[in-house]
Amino acid sequence: MKEFFLKLFKKVKGFSLIELLGVIVIIAIIVTIVVPTIQGTIDDARKSAFESSVTRIKDGAVNECMRRLMSTGTEEVIYTFELSHQSISPDTYPVLEFKGKSPAAGYIITYEDCTVEYGLTDRSYYMSKTRTGKVTESVPYIQDSPEQPLAPL
């Protein structure tokens, strides 16, 4: 009986090459299916975060315009963003207060009636809205594209 068990366990030394290759193929198939799904989810989250930041910036500009309108009257104000730095024209107004990530580049204009126009990018996505209300939803950013202006026209 002892000899039988010794022979039985002596034959089993490990996995064969075919078994290892089978496991590797199964893992590769699973990775091929899962990675694009995860990447798509990450891209959707980045796009949503950019859209949320643009909405907050736009709301901050409208709120600032309404505040000016209530106190002293208002005029056209242009906020420009370059390398996440904000500048204002005319420079007598404070910088925009908003929550969220500052855009990498672009502009936002508040007009006398507190309507807004903007073109903003985070270097991955671009969003714009004209004074007449034409909105470009979040689209992939194309550097130096005339269809994606980052300065007032």
Protein backbone atom coordinates (compact mmCIF):
# COMPACT_ATOMS: atom_id res chain seq x y z
CA MET A 1 0.00 0.00 0.00
CA LYS A 2 2.82 2.36 0.87
CA GLU A 3 4.49 1.72 -2.47
CA PHE A 4 1.26 2.51 -4.31
CA PHE A 5 0.96 5.98 -2.72
CA LEU A 6 4.65 6.74 -3.29
CA LYS A 7 4.29 5.91 -6.99
CA LEU A 8 1.09 7.92 -7.25
CA PHE A 9 2.56 11.10 -5.70
CA LYS A 10 5.89 10.69 -7.43
CA LYS A 11 4.24 11.05 -10.85
CA VAL A 12 2.55 14.39 -9.99
CA LYS A 13 5.31 16.99 -10.16
CA GLY A 14 3.54 20.16 -11.41
CA PHE A 15 1.56 21.67 -14.23
CA SER A 16 2.26 20.81 -17.83
CA LEU A 17 3.18 23.44 -20.38
CA ILE A 18 -0.23 23.09 -22.05
CA GLU A 19 -2.04 23.75 -18.78
CA LEU A 20 0.05 26.89 -18.11
CA LEU A 21 -0.55 28.18 -21.64
CA GLY A 22 -4.29 27.59 -21.23
CA VAL A 23 -4.36 29.69 -18.05
CA ILE A 24 -2.35 32.48 -19.71
CA VAL A 25 -4.74 32.56 -22.68
CA ILE A 26 -7.77 32.77 -20.37
CA ILE A 27 -6.19 35.63 -18.40
CA ALA A 28 -5.35 37.46 -21.65
CA ILE A 29 -8.95 37.17 -22.85
CA ILE A 30 -10.28 38.55 -19.56
CA VAL A 31 -7.83 41.49 -19.65
CA THR A 32 -8.78 42.23 -23.26
CA ILE A 33 -12.43 42.52 -22.24
CA VAL A 34 -12.01 44.40 -18.95
CA VAL A 35 -9.35 47.06 -19.77
CA PRO A 36 -11.33 48.96 -22.46
CA THR A 37 -14.37 49.02 -20.18
CA ILE A 38 -12.36 50.50 -17.32
CA GLN A 39 -10.66 53.01 -19.67
CA GLY A 40 -14.05 54.14 -20.99
CA THR A 41 -15.32 54.66 -17.46
CA ILE A 42 -12.25 56.74 -16.58
CA ASP A 43 -12.68 58.89 -19.72
CA ASP A 44 -16.38 59.45 -18.92
CA ALA A 45 -15.46 60.56 -15.39
CA ARG A 46 -12.85 63.04 -16.69
CA LYS A 47 -15.34 64.45 -19.19
CA SER A 48 -18.00 64.85 -16.50
CA ALA A 49 -15.52 66.57 -14.17
CA PHE A 50 -14.61 69.06 -16.94
CA GLU A 51 -18.28 69.76 -17.71
CA SER A 52 -18.93 70.33 -14.01
CA SER A 53 -15.99 72.76 -13.74
CA VAL A 54 -17.20 74.73 -16.77
CA THR A 55 -20.70 74.96 -15.28
CA ARG A 56 -19.28 76.23 -11.99
CA ILE A 57 -17.11 78.81 -13.74
CA LYS A 58 -20.06 80.00 -15.82
CA ASP A 59 -22.27 80.21 -12.72
CA GLY A 60 -19.53 82.12 -10.88
CA ALA A 61 -19.31 84.64 -13.74
CA VAL A 62 -23.10 85.11 -13.80
CA ASN A 63 -23.18 85.53 -10.00
CA GLU A 64 -20.41 88.14 -10.15
CA CYS A 65 -22.26 89.99 -12.93
CA MET A 66 -25.50 89.97 -10.91
CA ARG A 67 -23.63 91.28 -7.87
CA ARG A 68 -22.20 94.15 -9.95
CA LEU A 69 -25.61 94.80 -11.51
CA MET A 70 -27.21 95.12 -8.06
CA SER A 71 -24.56 97.48 -6.69
CA THR A 72 -23.05 99.70 -9.39
CA GLY A 73 -24.35 98.56 -12.73
CA THR A 74 -22.47 96.33 -15.08
CA GLU A 75 -20.38 96.33 -18.20
CA GLU A 76 -18.81 93.73 -20.42
CA VAL A 77 -16.09 91.85 -18.55
CA ILE A 78 -13.68 89.36 -20.14
CA TYR A 79 -12.03 86.69 -18.01
CA THR A 80 -9.18 84.85 -19.72
CA PHE A 81 -7.43 81.70 -18.58
CA GLU A 82 -3.96 80.69 -19.63
CA LEU A 83 -2.00 77.92 -17.94
CA SER A 84 -4.65 77.95 -15.20
CA HIS A 85 -3.93 81.64 -14.47
CA GLN A 86 -6.88 84.04 -14.58
CA SER A 87 -6.81 87.62 -15.87
CA ILE A 88 -9.66 90.16 -16.13
CA SER A 89 -10.39 93.00 -18.51
CA PRO A 90 -11.09 95.65 -17.28
CA ASP A 91 -8.77 94.84 -14.39
CA THR A 92 -10.83 96.70 -11.78
CA TYR A 93 -12.89 93.57 -11.03
CA PRO A 94 -11.93 90.69 -8.76
CA VAL A 95 -11.00 87.25 -10.06
CA LEU A 96 -13.80 84.74 -10.41
CA GLU A 97 -14.57 82.69 -7.33
CA PHE A 98 -15.61 79.13 -8.16
CA LYS A 99 -15.18 75.58 -6.96
CA GLY A 100 -13.53 73.06 -9.21
CA LYS A 101 -10.47 72.85 -11.37
CA SER A 102 -9.43 75.96 -13.27
CA PRO A 103 -9.36 75.49 -17.05
CA ALA A 104 -6.00 75.25 -18.79
CA ALA A 105 -6.97 77.88 -21.35
CA GLY A 106 -9.91 79.84 -22.65
CA TYR A 107 -12.17 82.79 -21.98
CA ILE A 108 -15.53 83.74 -20.54
CA ILE A 109 -17.32 87.02 -21.26
CA THR A 110 -20.15 88.44 -19.20
CA TYR A 111 -22.19 91.02 -21.08
CA GLU A 112 -24.18 93.96 -19.68
CA ASP A 113 -27.33 91.82 -19.40
CA CYS A 114 -25.35 89.06 -17.61
CA THR A 115 -25.50 86.64 -20.54
CA VAL A 116 -22.29 84.70 -20.99
CA GLU A 117 -20.11 83.52 -23.83
CA TYR A 118 -17.25 81.12 -23.28
CA GLY A 119 -14.70 78.81 -24.83
CA LEU A 120 -12.80 76.72 -22.29
CA THR A 121 -10.52 73.69 -22.39
CA ASP A 122 -8.60 71.47 -20.01
CA ARG A 123 -6.40 70.34 -22.96
CA SER A 124 -8.44 67.12 -23.22
CA TYR A 125 -11.94 68.48 -23.82
CA TYR A 126 -13.40 71.73 -25.12
CA MET A 127 -16.75 73.43 -24.41
CA SER A 128 -18.15 76.68 -25.76
CA LYS A 129 -21.28 78.80 -25.78
CA THR A 130 -21.92 81.83 -27.95
CA ARG A 131 -23.90 84.86 -26.84
CA THR A 132 -26.75 83.73 -29.07
CA GLY A 133 -26.93 80.46 -27.15
CA LYS A 134 -25.20 78.01 -29.52
CA VAL A 135 -23.57 75.46 -27.23
CA THR A 136 -20.75 73.09 -28.11
CA GLU A 137 -20.95 70.27 -25.62
CA SER A 138 -17.80 68.68 -24.32
CA VAL A 139 -15.81 67.51 -27.37
CA PRO A 140 -12.20 66.36 -27.71
CA TYR A 141 -9.84 69.34 -27.75
CA ILE A 142 -7.90 70.01 -30.96
CA GLN A 143 -5.00 72.39 -30.46
CA ASP A 144 -5.02 75.55 -32.64
CA SER A 145 -8.38 74.65 -34.19
CA PRO A 146 -10.36 77.64 -35.53
CA GLU A 147 -13.57 75.84 -34.53
CA GLN A 148 -12.40 75.85 -30.90
CA PRO A 149 -11.43 79.48 -30.12
CA LEU A 150 -9.71 80.09 -26.80
CA ALA A 151 -9.89 83.88 -27.06
CA PRO A 152 -12.85 86.17 -27.75
CA LEU A 153 -13.49 86.61 -31.46
